[in-house]
């Protein structure tokens, strides 16, 4: 018996439809898996080497061997491009007559090399290159914002503590503060034509462009001011 997987091919004809044919052979589980895999991976933007089908099964339907070419087409909704659970339905025909339909399901998994922590790191720590290692990980159920380049994490401050081996996400990281609680700064307020300044003391850490609470040392009032640099904050009007 010829290997059916070498005879089957998928051609994306239109949304919701794919077609192919095979010469007089049973569409067994192996052949259906190949069809399922080719179809769902063709819809994604990632390299095929980073994709894998898991938990494939034939939900319902079976087509017996027939004389002549078997033709099939995909029917129903087109799966989206994202990894995860997928459903497909095949309509099977021979000599222009539909023989039946087969429903298929499986999980499309996406893998990638990502940055993760070598050891436990604490909230407020500044990441060094030696704190990070690259691992190949299953990203199917990962949140958005995965860090693929370690240099995008080096020098960033952690917003929360992470265990050893945690995949780094953009939400875990913050720029190092330009000003820290207790720093003495110059508060600038007003407009270009009339700008006043006063000494202030920062009440919380802040990065460039962030709003922080600052105590005006002359009026003793606490204001919200935007960090300009490590010595200056500006009150917005």
Protein backbone atom coordinates (compact mmCIF):
# COMPACT_ATOMS: atom_id res chain seq x y z
CA UNK A 1 0.00 0.00 0.00
CA UNK A 2 1.39 3.33 -0.94
CA UNK A 3 2.10 5.81 1.83
CA UNK A 4 -0.90 8.10 1.67
CA UNK A 5 0.80 11.02 3.35
CA UNK A 6 3.05 11.38 0.29
CA UNK A 7 0.04 11.59 -2.02
CA UNK A 8 -2.02 14.15 -0.13
CA UNK A 9 -1.55 17.91 -0.44
CA UNK A 10 -3.50 20.94 0.73
CA UNK A 11 -4.19 23.98 -1.41
CA UNK A 12 -5.71 27.04 0.29
CA UNK A 13 -8.38 28.03 -2.21
CA UNK A 14 -10.52 30.47 -0.24
CA UNK A 15 -11.44 31.22 3.36
CA UNK A 16 -12.89 28.07 4.89
CA UNK A 17 -11.93 25.78 2.01
CA UNK A 18 -8.96 23.58 1.20
CA UNK A 19 -8.91 20.75 -1.30
CA UNK A 20 -6.80 17.76 -2.32
CA UNK A 21 -7.08 14.21 -3.55
CA UNK A 22 -5.69 10.73 -3.11
CA UNK A 23 -5.93 7.69 -5.36
CA UNK A 24 -8.29 5.02 -3.95
CA UNK A 25 -6.94 4.71 -0.42
CA UNK A 26 -8.28 4.88 3.12
CA UNK A 27 -7.86 8.26 4.83
CA UNK A 28 -6.34 6.75 7.95
CA UNK A 29 -5.34 8.59 11.13
CA UNK A 30 -1.78 9.26 9.96
CA UNK A 31 -2.97 10.79 6.69
CA UNK A 32 -5.62 12.89 8.44
CA UNK A 33 -3.03 14.14 10.92
CA UNK A 34 -0.83 15.32 8.02
CA UNK A 35 -3.77 17.15 6.44
CA UNK A 36 -4.70 18.73 9.77
CA UNK A 37 -1.09 19.77 10.45
CA UNK A 38 -0.49 21.29 7.02
CA UNK A 39 -3.74 23.22 7.09
CA UNK A 40 -3.51 24.80 10.56
CA UNK A 41 0.21 25.61 10.30
CA UNK A 42 -0.28 27.28 6.91
CA UNK A 43 -2.49 29.88 8.62
CA UNK A 44 0.15 30.99 11.13
CA UNK A 45 3.03 33.52 10.71
CA UNK A 46 5.61 31.42 12.59
CA UNK A 47 8.26 29.08 11.14
CA UNK A 48 7.06 25.50 10.79
CA UNK A 49 10.06 24.36 12.87
CA UNK A 50 8.54 26.20 15.86
CA UNK A 51 5.14 24.50 15.56
CA UNK A 52 3.91 21.11 16.75
CA UNK A 53 0.55 19.32 16.75
CA UNK A 54 -0.44 17.57 19.98
CA UNK A 55 -3.54 15.68 21.17
CA UNK A 56 -4.75 15.07 17.62
CA UNK A 57 -7.88 12.94 17.30
CA UNK A 58 -10.59 12.03 14.85
CA UNK A 59 -13.72 13.31 16.56
CA UNK A 60 -16.17 11.60 14.22
CA UNK A 61 -16.45 10.03 10.77
CA UNK A 62 -14.64 7.33 8.80
CA UNK A 63 -14.23 6.89 5.05
CA UNK A 64 -13.74 3.37 3.61
CA UNK A 65 -11.48 2.69 0.59
CA UNK A 66 -13.10 3.47 -2.77
CA UNK A 67 -12.13 3.04 -6.41
CA UNK A 68 -10.57 6.08 -8.05
CA UNK A 69 -9.46 9.32 -6.52
CA UNK A 70 -10.69 10.50 -3.14
CA UNK A 71 -11.20 14.24 -2.98
CA UNK A 72 -11.51 16.29 0.19
CA UNK A 73 -12.12 19.87 1.14
CA UNK A 74 -12.21 21.78 4.37
CA UNK A 75 -15.60 23.10 5.45
CA UNK A 76 -16.79 25.29 8.31
CA UNK A 77 -14.94 28.04 10.12
CA UNK A 78 -11.31 28.82 9.35
CA UNK A 79 -9.13 28.50 12.49
CA UNK A 80 -7.40 31.70 13.56
CA UNK A 81 -3.62 32.11 13.43
CA UNK A 82 -3.06 31.81 17.18
CA UNK A 83 -1.75 28.67 18.90
CA UNK A 84 -4.16 26.56 20.89
CA UNK A 85 -7.10 24.24 20.39
CA UNK A 86 -8.23 23.74 16.76
CA UNK A 87 -11.22 22.08 15.08
CA UNK A 88 -11.46 21.18 11.38
CA UNK A 89 -14.01 19.34 9.28
CA UNK A 90 -13.27 17.49 6.02
CA UNK A 91 -15.86 16.77 3.36
CA UNK A 92 -14.80 13.62 1.46
CA UNK A 93 -15.90 12.93 -2.13
CA UNK A 94 -15.25 10.46 -4.96
CA UNK A 95 -16.43 10.73 -8.57
CA UNK A 96 -18.22 13.95 -7.70
CA UNK A 97 -20.26 12.33 -4.91
CA UNK A 98 -19.78 13.25 -1.25
CA UNK A 99 -19.09 10.13 0.80
CA UNK A 100 -19.18 11.73 4.22
CA UNK A 101 -17.44 14.09 6.57
CA UNK A 102 -14.67 13.71 9.12
CA UNK A 103 -14.25 16.02 12.10
CA UNK A 104 -10.73 16.52 13.46
CA UNK A 105 -9.31 18.27 16.50
CA UNK A 106 -5.92 18.95 18.05
CA UNK A 107 -3.70 21.51 19.72
CA UNK A 108 -1.30 23.71 17.80
CA UNK A 109 1.72 24.39 20.04
CA UNK A 110 4.23 27.15 19.39
CA UNK A 111 7.81 26.97 20.69
CA UNK A 112 10.49 29.64 20.93
CA UNK A 113 13.77 30.54 22.64
CA UNK A 114 13.02 33.02 25.41
CA UNK A 115 14.73 34.78 28.32
CA UNK A 116 14.21 33.36 31.80
CA UNK A 117 15.68 33.85 35.25
CA UNK A 118 18.68 31.79 36.38
CA UNK A 119 17.92 32.16 40.09
CA UNK A 120 15.20 33.66 42.24
CA UNK A 121 15.08 37.45 41.84
CA UNK A 122 13.30 39.93 44.06
CA UNK A 123 11.09 42.90 43.43
CA UNK A 124 13.25 45.97 42.84
CA UNK A 125 16.31 44.01 41.71
CA UNK A 126 18.10 45.30 38.61
CA UNK A 127 18.70 42.45 36.16
CA UNK A 128 22.24 41.66 35.04
CA UNK A 129 23.18 39.52 32.04
CA UNK A 130 24.26 36.72 34.40
CA UNK A 131 20.72 36.67 35.89
CA UNK A 132 19.30 35.61 32.52
CA UNK A 133 19.55 32.45 30.44
CA UNK A 134 17.88 31.50 27.18
CA UNK A 135 15.71 28.39 27.01
CA UNK A 136 13.42 26.83 24.43
CA UNK A 137 9.92 26.96 25.85
CA UNK A 138 6.35 26.11 24.91
CA UNK A 139 4.73 29.52 24.30
CA UNK A 140 1.24 28.23 23.49
CA UNK A 141 -0.35 29.43 26.70
CA UNK A 142 2.10 32.25 27.49
CA UNK A 143 0.99 35.83 27.94
CA UNK A 144 1.95 38.50 25.42
CA UNK A 145 5.19 40.40 25.93
CA UNK A 146 7.62 37.47 26.17
CA UNK A 147 11.25 38.64 26.11
CA UNK A 148 13.16 37.03 23.21
CA UNK A 149 16.29 39.22 23.40
CA UNK A 150 18.07 39.22 26.80
CA UNK A 151 19.46 42.70 26.13
CA UNK A 152 15.90 44.00 26.37
CA UNK A 153 15.87 42.92 30.03
CA UNK A 154 19.40 43.77 31.17
CA UNK A 155 19.46 46.88 33.34
CA UNK A 156 15.71 46.81 33.96
CA UNK A 157 14.19 46.81 37.43
CA UNK A 158 11.78 44.05 38.46
CA UNK A 159 8.23 45.03 39.32
CA UNK A 160 7.70 41.78 41.24
CA UNK A 161 9.67 38.81 42.56
CA UNK A 162 10.21 35.81 40.26
CA UNK A 163 11.22 32.22 40.90
CA UNK A 164 14.21 30.60 39.24
CA UNK A 165 13.34 29.53 35.70
CA UNK A 166 10.52 32.07 35.25
CA UNK A 167 9.98 33.28 31.68
CA UNK A 168 10.52 37.04 31.57
CA UNK A 169 7.68 39.22 30.32
CA UNK A 170 7.65 42.91 29.50
CA UNK A 171 5.15 43.44 32.34
CA UNK A 172 7.75 42.16 34.82
CA UNK A 173 10.19 44.94 33.95
CA UNK A 174 10.53 48.68 34.53
CA UNK A 175 13.21 51.19 33.69
CA UNK A 176 15.61 52.04 36.50
CA UNK A 177 14.41 55.11 38.42
CA UNK A 178 16.07 58.44 37.70
CA UNK A 179 14.96 59.68 41.12
CA UNK A 180 14.46 57.73 44.32
CA UNK A 181 12.61 58.36 47.55
CA UNK A 182 14.51 60.94 49.62
CA UNK A 183 16.36 62.54 46.70
CA UNK A 184 16.62 66.34 46.64
CA UNK A 185 15.47 67.85 43.34
CA UNK A 186 14.50 71.18 41.81
CA UNK A 187 10.79 71.63 41.25
CA UNK A 188 9.98 73.68 38.15
CA UNK A 189 6.53 75.16 37.63
CA UNK A 190 4.93 77.69 35.31
CA UNK A 191 5.31 78.45 31.63
CA UNK A 192 8.16 79.52 29.37
CA UNK A 193 7.45 83.21 30.02
CA UNK A 194 7.26 82.75 33.77
CA UNK A 195 8.98 79.80 35.39
CA UNK A 196 9.47 79.46 39.13
CA UNK A 197 11.60 76.94 40.97
CA UNK A 198 11.71 75.55 44.46
CA UNK A 199 13.68 72.86 46.26
CA UNK A 200 11.86 69.58 46.71
CA UNK A 201 12.26 66.13 48.18
CA UNK A 202 11.06 63.08 46.24
CA UNK A 203 8.59 60.82 48.05
CA UNK A 204 8.77 57.83 45.67
CA UNK A 205 10.92 56.32 42.93
CA UNK A 206 10.31 57.47 39.37
CA UNK A 207 11.63 56.98 35.84
CA UNK A 208 11.89 59.63 33.13
CA UNK A 209 8.44 60.99 32.29
CA UNK A 210 6.71 59.44 35.30
CA UNK A 211 4.62 61.40 37.76
CA UNK A 212 5.94 61.24 41.33
CA UNK A 213 4.98 62.83 44.61
CA UNK A 214 7.41 65.58 45.64
CA UNK A 215 7.37 67.67 48.80
CA UNK A 216 7.96 71.39 48.22
CA UNK A 217 10.47 72.25 50.93
CA UNK A 218 9.37 75.90 50.96
CA UNK A 219 5.58 75.51 51.10
CA UNK A 220 5.72 72.06 52.74
CA UNK A 221 3.04 70.89 50.28
CA UNK A 222 3.21 67.56 48.45
CA UNK A 223 2.81 67.93 44.68
CA UNK A 224 2.63 65.65 41.68
CA UNK A 225 5.51 66.39 39.32
CA UNK A 226 6.92 64.74 36.20
CA UNK A 227 10.51 63.48 36.24
CA UNK A 228 12.66 65.34 33.70
CA UNK A 229 16.09 64.07 34.80
CA UNK A 230 17.84 62.94 37.98
CA UNK A 231 17.82 66.47 39.43
CA UNK A 232 14.67 68.09 38.05
CA UNK A 233 10.92 67.52 38.19
CA UNK A 234 8.26 69.62 36.46
CA UNK A 235 4.75 70.42 37.62
CA UNK A 236 2.37 70.15 34.65
CA UNK A 237 -0.18 72.87 33.97
